[in-house]
C-alpha atoms as a PDB file:
ATOM      1  CA  MET A   1      -2.062 -30.841  37.948  1.00  0.00           C
ATOM      2  CA  SER A   2      -5.343 -29.108  38.818  1.00  0.00           C
ATOM      3  CA  ASN A   3      -7.229 -26.894  36.412  1.00  0.00           C
ATOM      4  CA  ASP A   4      -6.136 -23.773  38.371  1.00  0.00           C
ATOM      5  CA  ASP A   5      -2.490 -24.868  38.245  1.00  0.00           C
ATOM      6  CA  GLU A   6      -2.779 -25.443  34.499  1.00  0.00           C
ATOM      7  CA  MET A   7      -4.253 -21.958  34.072  1.00  0.00           C
ATOM      8  CA  ARG A   8      -1.471 -20.388  36.181  1.00  0.00           C
ATOM      9  CA  ALA A   9       1.137 -22.182  34.043  1.00  0.00           C
ATOM     10  CA  ILE A  10      -0.402 -20.716  30.890  1.00  0.00           C
ATOM     11  CA  ALA A  11      -0.599 -17.252  32.436  1.00  0.00           C
ATOM     12  CA  ASP A  12       2.988 -17.325  33.742  1.00  0.00           C
ATOM     13  CA  GLY A  13       4.302 -17.382  30.187  1.00  0.00           C
ATOM     14  CA  GLN A  14       2.736 -13.973  29.463  1.00  0.00           C
ATOM     15  CA  ARG A  15       4.031 -10.483  30.337  1.00  0.00           C
ATOM     16  CA  THR A  16       0.905  -8.382  30.798  1.00  0.00           C
ATOM     17  CA  ILE A  17      -2.452  -9.036  32.438  1.00  0.00           C
ATOM     18  CA  ALA A  18      -4.160  -8.527  29.075  1.00  0.00           C
ATOM     19  CA  ASP A  19      -1.840 -11.103  27.461  1.00  0.00           C
ATOM     20  CA  LYS A  20      -2.588 -13.546  30.282  1.00  0.00           C
ATOM     21  CA  ILE A  21      -6.332 -13.034  29.752  1.00  0.00           C
ATOM     22  CA  ARG A  22      -5.958 -13.595  25.985  1.00  0.00           C
ATOM     23  CA  ALA A  23      -3.846 -16.734  26.455  1.00  0.00           C
ATOM     24  CA  LEU A  24      -6.308 -18.261  28.906  1.00  0.00           C
ATOM     25  CA  ALA A  25      -9.265 -17.395  26.680  1.00  0.00           C
ATOM     26  CA  ALA A  26      -7.455 -18.978  23.714  1.00  0.00           C
ATOM     27  CA  ALA A  27      -7.103 -22.127  25.825  1.00  0.00           C
ATOM     28  CA  ASP A  28     -10.938 -22.148  26.125  1.00  0.00           C
ATOM     29  CA  HIS A  29     -11.168 -21.192  29.788  1.00  0.00           C
ATOM     30  CA  ALA A  30     -14.337 -19.428  30.940  1.00  0.00           C
ATOM     31  CA  ARG A  31     -14.169 -15.704  31.671  1.00  0.00           C
ATOM     32  CA  ALA A  32     -15.247 -16.238  35.278  1.00  0.00           C
ATOM     33  CA  ASP A  33     -12.451 -18.785  35.823  1.00  0.00           C
ATOM     34  CA  ILE A  34      -9.898 -16.428  34.246  1.00  0.00           C
ATOM     35  CA  ALA A  35     -11.005 -13.608  36.547  1.00  0.00           C
ATOM     36  CA  ARG A  36     -10.813 -15.858  39.626  1.00  0.00           C
ATOM     37  CA  VAL A  37      -7.350 -17.309  38.867  1.00  0.00           C
ATOM     38  CA  LEU A  38      -5.834 -13.936  37.887  1.00  0.00           C
ATOM     39  CA  GLN A  39      -7.591 -12.208  40.794  1.00  0.00           C
ATOM     40  CA  ARG A  40      -9.098  -9.629  38.467  1.00  0.00           C
ATOM     41  CA  SER A  41     -12.658  -8.483  38.004  1.00  0.00           C
ATOM     42  CA  TYR A  42     -14.877 -10.247  35.520  1.00  0.00           C
ATOM     43  CA  GLN A  43     -15.426  -6.838  33.877  1.00  0.00           C
ATOM     44  CA  GLN A  44     -11.705  -6.421  33.188  1.00  0.00           C
ATOM     45  CA  VAL A  45     -11.538  -9.861  31.566  1.00  0.00           C
ATOM     46  CA  ARG A  46     -14.618  -9.072  29.473  1.00  0.00           C
ATOM     47  CA  ASN A  47     -13.272  -5.651  28.428  1.00  0.00           C
ATOM     48  CA  VAL A  48      -9.979  -7.106  27.186  1.00  0.00           C
ATOM     49  CA  LEU A  49     -11.677  -9.832  25.153  1.00  0.00           C
ATOM     50  CA  GLU A  50     -14.426  -7.583  23.752  1.00  0.00           C
ATOM     51  CA  GLN A  51     -11.932  -4.865  22.788  1.00  0.00           C
ATOM     52  CA  ASP A  52      -9.936  -7.493  20.873  1.00  0.00           C
ATOM     53  CA  LYS A  53     -13.085  -8.358  18.909  1.00  0.00           C
ATOM     54  CA  VAL A  54     -13.632  -4.674  18.056  1.00  0.00           C
ATOM     55  CA  ARG A  55     -10.026  -4.289  16.912  1.00  0.00           C
ATOM     56  CA  ALA A  56     -10.200  -7.442  14.797  1.00  0.00           C
ATOM     57  CA  LYS A  57     -13.403  -6.265  13.149  1.00  0.00           C
ATOM     58  CA  ALA A  58     -11.954  -2.789  12.453  1.00  0.00           C
ATOM     59  CA  SER A  59      -8.863  -4.246  10.799  1.00  0.00           C
ATOM     60  CA  LYS A  60     -10.863  -6.300   8.289  1.00  0.00           C
ATOM     61  CA  PRO A  61     -11.116  -4.850   4.771  1.00  0.00           C
ATOM     62  CA  ALA A  62     -14.297  -3.098   3.771  1.00  0.00           C
ATOM     63  CA  SER A  63     -16.872  -5.293   2.127  1.00  0.00           C
ATOM     64  CA  GLY A  64     -16.176  -5.794  -1.561  1.00  0.00           C
ATOM     65  CA  VAL A  65     -12.577  -4.552  -1.478  1.00  0.00           C
ATOM     66  CA  ALA A  66      -9.782  -7.085  -1.074  1.00  0.00           C
ATOM     67  CA  ASP A  67      -6.359  -6.451   0.454  1.00  0.00           C
ATOM     68  CA  THR A  68      -4.834  -8.343  -2.445  1.00  0.00           C
ATOM     69  CA  PRO A  69      -5.922  -8.140  -6.070  1.00  0.00           C
ATOM     70  CA  ALA A  70      -8.444 -10.735  -7.188  1.00  0.00           C
ATOM     71  CA  THR A  71      -7.466 -13.063 -10.015  1.00  0.00           C
ATOM     72  CA  TYR A  72      -9.894 -13.482 -12.887  1.00  0.00           C
ATOM     73  CA  GLU A  73      -9.686 -16.014 -15.668  1.00  0.00           C
ATOM     74  CA  THR A  74     -11.474 -14.881 -18.824  1.00  0.00           C
ATOM     75  CA  GLU A  75     -11.014 -15.377 -22.534  1.00  0.00           C
ATOM     76  CA  ALA A  76     -10.156 -11.716 -22.972  1.00  0.00           C
ATOM     77  CA  ASP A  77      -8.027 -11.665 -19.815  1.00  0.00           C
ATOM     78  CA  GLU A  78      -5.631  -8.926 -20.956  1.00  0.00           C
ATOM     79  CA  ALA A  79      -8.440  -6.663 -22.158  1.00  0.00           C
ATOM     80  CA  PHE A  80     -10.290  -7.217 -18.905  1.00  0.00           C
ATOM     81  CA  LYS A  81      -7.216  -6.399 -16.818  1.00  0.00           C
ATOM     82  CA  ALA A  82      -6.614  -3.255 -18.869  1.00  0.00           C
ATOM     83  CA  LYS A  83     -10.180  -2.097 -18.328  1.00  0.00           C
ATOM     84  CA  TYR A  84     -10.410  -3.176 -14.657  1.00  0.00           C
ATOM     85  CA  PRO A  85      -6.938  -3.126 -13.068  1.00  0.00           C
ATOM     86  CA  PRO A  86      -6.475  -4.702  -9.635  1.00  0.00           C
ATOM     87  CA  THR A  87      -7.656  -2.563  -6.717  1.00  0.00           C
ATOM     88  CA  ILE A  88      -6.175  -2.556  -3.230  1.00  0.00           C
ATOM     89  CA  ARG A  89      -7.549  -1.040  -0.031  1.00  0.00           C
ATOM     90  CA  LEU A  90      -5.377   1.632   1.600  1.00  0.00           C
ATOM     91  CA  GLU A  91      -5.950   3.357   4.913  1.00  0.00           C
ATOM     92  CA  VAL A  92      -5.403   7.042   5.562  1.00  0.00           C
ATOM     93  CA  GLY A  93      -3.644   7.458   8.908  1.00  0.00           C
ATOM     94  CA  ARG A  94      -4.300  10.128  11.514  1.00  0.00           C
ATOM     95  CA  ASN A  95      -1.625  12.372   9.995  1.00  0.00           C
ATOM     96  CA  ALA A  96      -3.112  11.955   6.493  1.00  0.00           C
ATOM     97  CA  ILE A  97      -0.408   9.409   5.628  1.00  0.00           C
ATOM     98  CA  VAL A  98      -1.335   6.653   3.192  1.00  0.00           C
ATOM     99  CA  THR A  99       0.828   3.557   3.546  1.00  0.00           C
ATOM    100  CA  LEU A 100       1.297   1.257   0.579  1.00  0.00           C
ATOM    101  CA  PRO A 101       1.825  -2.480   1.110  1.00  0.00           C
ATOM    102  CA  ASP A 102       5.456  -3.588   0.741  1.00  0.00           C
ATOM    103  CA  ASP A 103       4.603  -6.023  -2.061  1.00  0.00           C
ATOM    104  CA  GLN A 104       3.048  -3.198  -4.102  1.00  0.00           C
ATOM    105  CA  ILE A 105       6.041  -0.914  -3.534  1.00  0.00           C
ATOM    106  CA  GLU A 106       8.333  -3.702  -4.718  1.00  0.00           C
ATOM    107  CA  ALA A 107       6.116  -4.614  -7.693  1.00  0.00           C
ATOM    108  CA  MET A 108       6.147  -0.985  -8.884  1.00  0.00           C
ATOM    109  CA  GLY A 109       9.928  -0.777  -8.570  1.00  0.00           C
ATOM    110  CA  TRP A 110       9.614   2.012  -6.014  1.00  0.00           C
ATOM    111  CA  ARG A 111      11.767   2.386  -2.928  1.00  0.00           C
ATOM    112  CA  ARG A 112      11.163   3.817   0.526  1.00  0.00           C
ATOM    113  CA  GLY A 113      12.143   7.477   0.616  1.00  0.00           C
ATOM    114  CA  GLY A 114      11.807   7.722  -3.182  1.00  0.00           C
ATOM    115  CA  VAL A 115       9.497   9.974  -5.169  1.00  0.00           C
ATOM    116  CA  VAL A 116       6.140   8.968  -6.573  1.00  0.00           C
ATOM    117  CA  ILE A 117       4.102  11.292  -8.789  1.00  0.00           C
ATOM    118  CA  ALA A 118       0.325  11.516  -8.233  1.00  0.00           C
ATOM    119  CA  GLU A 119      -1.880  12.406 -11.181  1.00  0.00           C
ATOM    120  CA  VAL A 120      -5.071  14.044  -9.967  1.00  0.00           C
ATOM    121  CA  ARG A 121      -8.124  12.653 -11.722  1.00  0.00           C
ATOM    122  CA  GLU A 122     -11.815  13.324 -11.394  1.00  0.00           C
ATOM    123  CA  ASP A 123     -12.371  10.007  -9.603  1.00  0.00           C
ATOM    124  CA  GLY A 124      -9.185   9.844  -7.534  1.00  0.00           C
ATOM    125  CA  LEU A 125      -5.403   9.733  -7.746  1.00  0.00           C
ATOM    126  CA  LEU A 126      -3.181   7.724 -10.058  1.00  0.00           C
ATOM    127  CA  LEU A 127       0.260   7.034  -8.592  1.00  0.00           C
ATOM    128  CA  LEU A 128       3.096   7.015 -11.110  1.00  0.00           C
ATOM    129  CA  SER A 129       6.783   6.256 -10.847  1.00  0.00           C
ATOM    130  CA  SER A 130       9.136   9.043 -11.915  1.00  0.00           C
ATOM    131  CA  ARG A 131       9.820   7.131 -15.135  1.00  0.00           C
ATOM    132  CA  ALA A 132       6.105   6.770 -15.967  1.00  0.00           C
ATOM    133  CA  ALA A 133       5.543  10.446 -15.177  1.00  0.00           C
ATOM    134  CA  GLY A 134       8.396  11.359 -17.544  1.00  0.00           C
ATOM    135  CA  GLN A 135       6.806   9.275 -20.284  1.00  0.00           C
ATOM    136  CA  ARG A 136       3.505  11.109 -19.702  1.00  0.00           C
ATOM    137  CA  VAL A 137       5.253  14.475 -20.036  1.00  0.00           C
ATOM    138  CA  GLN A 138       6.881  13.319 -23.290  1.00  0.00           C
ATOM    139  CA  ALA A 139       3.482  12.225 -24.626  1.00  0.00           C
ATOM    140  CA  MET A 140       1.992  15.593 -23.655  1.00  0.00           C
ATOM    141  CA  ALA A 141       4.856  17.390 -25.453  1.00  0.00           C
ATOM    142  CA  ARG A 142       4.307  15.299 -28.597  1.00  0.00           C
ATOM    143  CA  GLU A 143       0.654  16.279 -28.517  1.00  0.00           C
ATOM    144  CA  ALA A 144       1.303  19.984 -27.855  1.00  0.00           C
ATOM    145  CA  LEU A 145       4.258  20.573 -30.220  1.00  0.00           C
ATOM    146  CA  PRO A 146       4.119  20.373 -34.020  1.00  0.00           C
ATOM    147  CA  ALA A 147       5.067  17.036 -35.583  1.00  0.00           C
ATOM    148  CA  GLN A 148       8.074  18.635 -37.293  1.00  0.00           C
ATOM    149  CA  ALA A 149       9.678  19.182 -33.883  1.00  0.00           C
ATOM    150  CA  PHE A 150      10.020  15.411 -33.561  1.00  0.00           C
ATOM    151  CA  GLU A 151      11.007  14.527 -37.114  1.00  0.00           C
ATOM    152  CA  ASP A 152      14.606  15.609 -36.685  1.00  0.00           C
ATOM    153  CA  SER A 153      16.753  15.145 -33.638  1.00  0.00           C
ATOM    154  CA  TRP A 154      17.148  18.409 -31.759  1.00  0.00           C
ATOM    155  CA  ALA A 155      20.761  17.488 -31.116  1.00  0.00           C
ATOM    156  CA  ASP A 156      21.318  16.940 -34.861  1.00  0.00           C
ATOM    157  CA  ALA A 157      19.635  20.273 -35.635  1.00  0.00           C
ATOM    158  CA  LEU A 158      21.859  22.077 -33.094  1.00  0.00           C
ATOM    159  CA  ILE A 159      25.010  20.489 -34.529  1.00  0.00           C
ATOM    160  CA  ALA A 160      23.959  21.459 -38.062  1.00  0.00           C
ATOM    161  CA  ASP A 161      23.348  25.066 -36.924  1.00  0.00           C
ATOM    162  CA  ARG A 162      26.785  25.240 -35.292  1.00  0.00           C
ATOM    163  CA  GLN A 163      28.427  23.828 -38.422  1.00  0.00           C
ATOM    164  CA  ARG A 164      26.673  26.436 -40.617  1.00  0.00           C
ATOM    165  CA  GLU A 165      27.764  29.210 -38.251  1.00  0.00           C
ATOM    166  CA  ALA A 166      31.364  27.929 -38.268  1.00  0.00           C
ATOM    167  CA  ALA A 167      31.350  27.747 -42.071  1.00  0.00           C
ATOM    168  CA  ALA A 168      29.975  31.298 -42.310  1.00  0.00           C
ATOM    169  CA  GLU A 169      32.748  32.591 -40.019  1.00  0.00           C
ATOM    170  CA  GLU A 170      35.413  30.911 -42.145  1.00  0.00           C
ATOM    171  CA  ASP A 171      34.002  32.528 -45.298  1.00  0.00           C
ATOM    172  CA  GLU A 172      34.311  35.999 -43.766  1.00  0.00           C
END
Protein backbone atom coordinates (compact mmCIF):
# COMPACT_ATOMS: atom_id res chain seq x y z
CA MET A 1 0.00 0.00 0.00
CA SER A 2 1.45 3.37 -1.03
CA ASN A 3 1.68 6.33 1.30
CA ASP A 4 -1.21 8.06 -0.54
CA ASP A 5 -3.38 4.94 -0.22
CA GLU A 6 -2.59 4.76 3.49
CA MET A 7 -3.57 8.42 3.89
CA ARG A 8 -6.84 7.88 1.97
CA ALA A 9 -7.65 4.90 4.23
CA ILE A 10 -7.18 7.08 7.31
CA ALA A 11 -9.26 9.88 5.81
CA ASP A 12 -12.10 7.57 4.71
CA GLY A 13 -12.89 6.79 8.34
CA GLN A 14 -13.74 10.46 9.03
CA ARG A 15 -16.96 12.37 8.29
CA THR A 16 -15.84 15.95 7.68
CA ILE A 17 -12.90 17.48 5.84
CA ALA A 18 -11.69 19.01 9.11
CA ASP A 19 -11.82 15.59 10.81
CA LYS A 20 -9.88 14.07 7.91
CA ILE A 21 -7.24 16.80 8.23
CA ARG A 22 -6.97 16.22 12.00
CA ALA A 23 -6.71 12.43 11.60
CA LEU A 24 -3.97 12.71 8.99
CA ALA A 25 -2.07 15.27 11.06
CA ALA A 26 -2.34 12.97 14.10
CA ALA A 27 -0.78 10.23 11.96
CA ASP A 28 2.22 12.59 11.44
CA HIS A 29 1.60 13.40 7.78
CA ALA A 30 2.93 16.72 6.48
CA ARG A 31 0.45 19.52 5.82
CA ALA A 32 1.42 19.69 2.15
CA ASP A 33 0.78 15.94 1.72
CA ILE A 34 -2.59 16.25 3.48
CA ALA A 35 -3.60 19.09 1.17
CA ARG A 36 -2.53 17.14 -1.93
CA VAL A 37 -4.30 13.87 -1.00
CA LEU A 38 -7.52 15.60 0.12
CA GLN A 39 -7.37 17.98 -2.85
CA ARG A 40 -7.66 20.99 -0.57
CA SER A 41 -5.56 24.11 -0.29
CA TYR A 42 -2.59 24.15 2.03
CA GLN A 43 -4.18 27.21 3.69
CA GLN A 44 -7.32 25.24 4.60
CA VAL A 45 -5.23 22.48 6.17
CA ARG A 46 -3.19 25.05 8.10
CA ASN A 47 -6.31 26.93 9.28
CA VAL A 48 -7.91 23.77 10.68
CA LEU A 49 -4.78 22.73 12.57
CA GLU A 50 -3.95 26.23 13.85
CA GLN A 51 -7.53 26.84 15.00
CA ASP A 52 -7.36 23.58 16.98
CA LYS A 53 -4.25 24.90 18.74
CA VAL A 54 -6.05 28.15 19.63
CA ARG A 55 -9.05 26.24 20.98
CA ALA A 56 -6.85 23.93 23.03
CA LYS A 57 -4.98 26.87 24.51
CA ALA A 58 -8.23 28.72 25.35
CA SER A 59 -9.65 25.70 27.15
CA LYS A 60 -6.67 25.38 29.51
CA PRO A 61 -7.18 26.75 33.03
CA ALA A 62 -5.72 30.12 33.87
CA SER A 63 -2.25 30.03 35.33
CA GLY A 64 -2.28 29.29 39.04
CA VAL A 65 -5.87 28.04 39.19
CA ALA A 66 -6.52 24.31 38.90
CA ASP A 67 -9.67 22.65 37.59
CA THR A 68 -9.53 20.29 40.53
CA PRO A 69 -8.61 21.20 44.09
CA ALA A 70 -4.96 20.75 45.02
CA THR A 71 -4.13 18.38 47.86
CA TYR A 72 -1.81 19.62 50.58
CA GLU A 73 -0.25 17.57 53.33
CA THR A 74 0.62 19.64 56.39
CA GLU A 75 0.78 19.05 60.12
CA ALA A 76 -2.14 21.40 60.66
CA ASP A 77 -4.01 20.05 57.63
CA GLU A 78 -7.52 20.74 58.96
CA ALA A 79 -6.66 24.28 60.03
CA PHE A 80 -5.05 24.92 56.67
CA LYS A 81 -8.08 23.61 54.78
CA ALA A 82 -10.38 25.75 56.91
CA LYS A 83 -8.34 28.86 56.19
CA TYR A 84 -7.69 28.07 52.49
CA PRO A 85 -10.53 25.92 51.10
CA PRO A 86 -10.11 24.32 47.68
CA THR A 87 -10.67 26.67 44.73
CA ILE A 88 -12.03 25.68 41.34
CA ARG A 89 -12.07 27.64 38.09
CA LEU A 90 -15.51 28.36 36.63
CA GLU A 91 -16.32 29.99 33.32
CA VAL A 92 -19.06 32.53 32.77
CA GLY A 93 -20.88 31.69 29.53
CA ARG A 94 -22.17 34.13 26.94
CA ASN A 95 -25.57 34.27 28.65
CA ALA A 96 -23.95 34.94 32.05
CA ILE A 97 -24.45 31.29 33.02
CA VAL A 98 -21.88 29.76 35.36
CA THR A 99 -21.67 25.98 35.08
CA LEU A 100 -20.45 23.95 38.03
CA PRO A 101 -18.58 20.68 37.47
CA ASP A 102 -20.71 17.57 38.02
CA ASP A 103 -18.38 16.25 40.73
CA GLN A 104 -18.80 19.48 42.73
CA ILE A 105 -22.59 19.40 42.37
CA GLU A 106 -22.59 15.82 43.64
CA ALA A 107 -20.13 16.55 46.46
CA MET A 108 -22.33 19.40 47.72
CA GLY A 109 -25.44 17.22 47.62
CA TRP A 110 -27.06 19.54 45.10
CA ARG A 111 -29.15 18.43 42.15
CA ARG A 112 -29.76 19.85 38.69
CA GLY A 113 -32.80 22.11 38.72
CA GLY A 114 -32.47 22.60 42.49
CA VAL A 115 -31.95 25.84 44.38
CA VAL A 116 -28.62 27.16 45.57
CA ILE A 117 -28.34 30.30 47.71
CA ALA A 118 -25.56 32.80 46.94
CA GLU A 119 -24.22 34.93 49.77
CA VAL A 120 -22.80 38.17 48.40
CA ARG A 121 -19.45 39.01 49.95
CA GLU A 122 -17.00 41.81 49.43
CA ASP A 123 -14.61 39.52 47.55
CA GLY A 124 -17.11 37.37 45.67
CA LEU A 125 -20.00 34.94 46.09
CA LEU A 126 -20.36 32.04 48.50
CA LEU A 127 -22.71 29.34 47.22
CA LEU A 128 -24.78 27.62 49.90
CA SER A 129 -27.21 24.73 49.83
CA SER A 130 -30.72 25.49 51.08
CA ARG A 131 -29.89 23.64 54.30
CA ALA A 132 -26.71 25.67 54.91
CA ALA A 133 -28.59 28.89 54.15
CA GLY A 134 -31.26 27.89 56.69
CA GLN A 135 -28.57 27.30 59.30
CA ARG A 136 -27.16 30.77 58.56
CA VAL A 137 -30.59 32.34 59.05
CA GLN A 138 -30.97 30.50 62.38
CA ALA A 139 -27.56 31.78 63.50
CA MET A 140 -28.53 35.32 62.50
CA ALA A 141 -31.79 35.00 64.49
CA ARG A 142 -29.89 33.77 67.56
CA GLU A 143 -27.64 36.80 67.28
CA ALA A 144 -30.48 39.29 66.72
CA LEU A 145 -33.03 37.97 69.26
CA PRO A 146 -32.59 37.99 73.04
CA ALA A 147 -31.18 34.82 74.60
CA GLN A 148 -34.43 34.25 76.51
CA ALA A 149 -36.21 33.61 73.21
CA PHE A 150 -34.16 30.43 72.84
CA GLU A 151 -34.19 29.20 76.43
CA ASP A 152 -37.70 27.81 76.23
CA SER A 153 -39.26 26.05 73.30
CA TRP A 154 -41.70 28.32 71.50
CA ALA A 155 -43.99 25.35 71.06
CA ASP A 156 -43.88 24.66 74.82
CA ALA A 157 -44.58 28.33 75.55
CA LEU A 158 -47.58 28.31 73.17
CA ILE A 159 -48.99 25.15 74.76
CA ALA A 160 -48.57 26.64 78.24
CA ASP A 161 -50.39 29.82 77.13
CA ARG A 162 -53.28 27.79 75.70
CA GLN A 163 -53.51 25.74 78.89
CA ARG A 164 -53.64 28.92 81.03
CA GLU A 165 -56.34 30.37 78.77
CA ALA A 166 -58.36 27.13 78.98
CA ALA A 167 -58.03 27.09 82.77
CA ALA A 168 -59.14 30.73 82.99
CA GLU A 169 -62.24 29.97 80.88
CA GLU A 170 -63.17 27.05 83.13
CA ASP A 171 -62.89 29.27 86.22
CA GLU A 172 -65.37 31.77 84.77
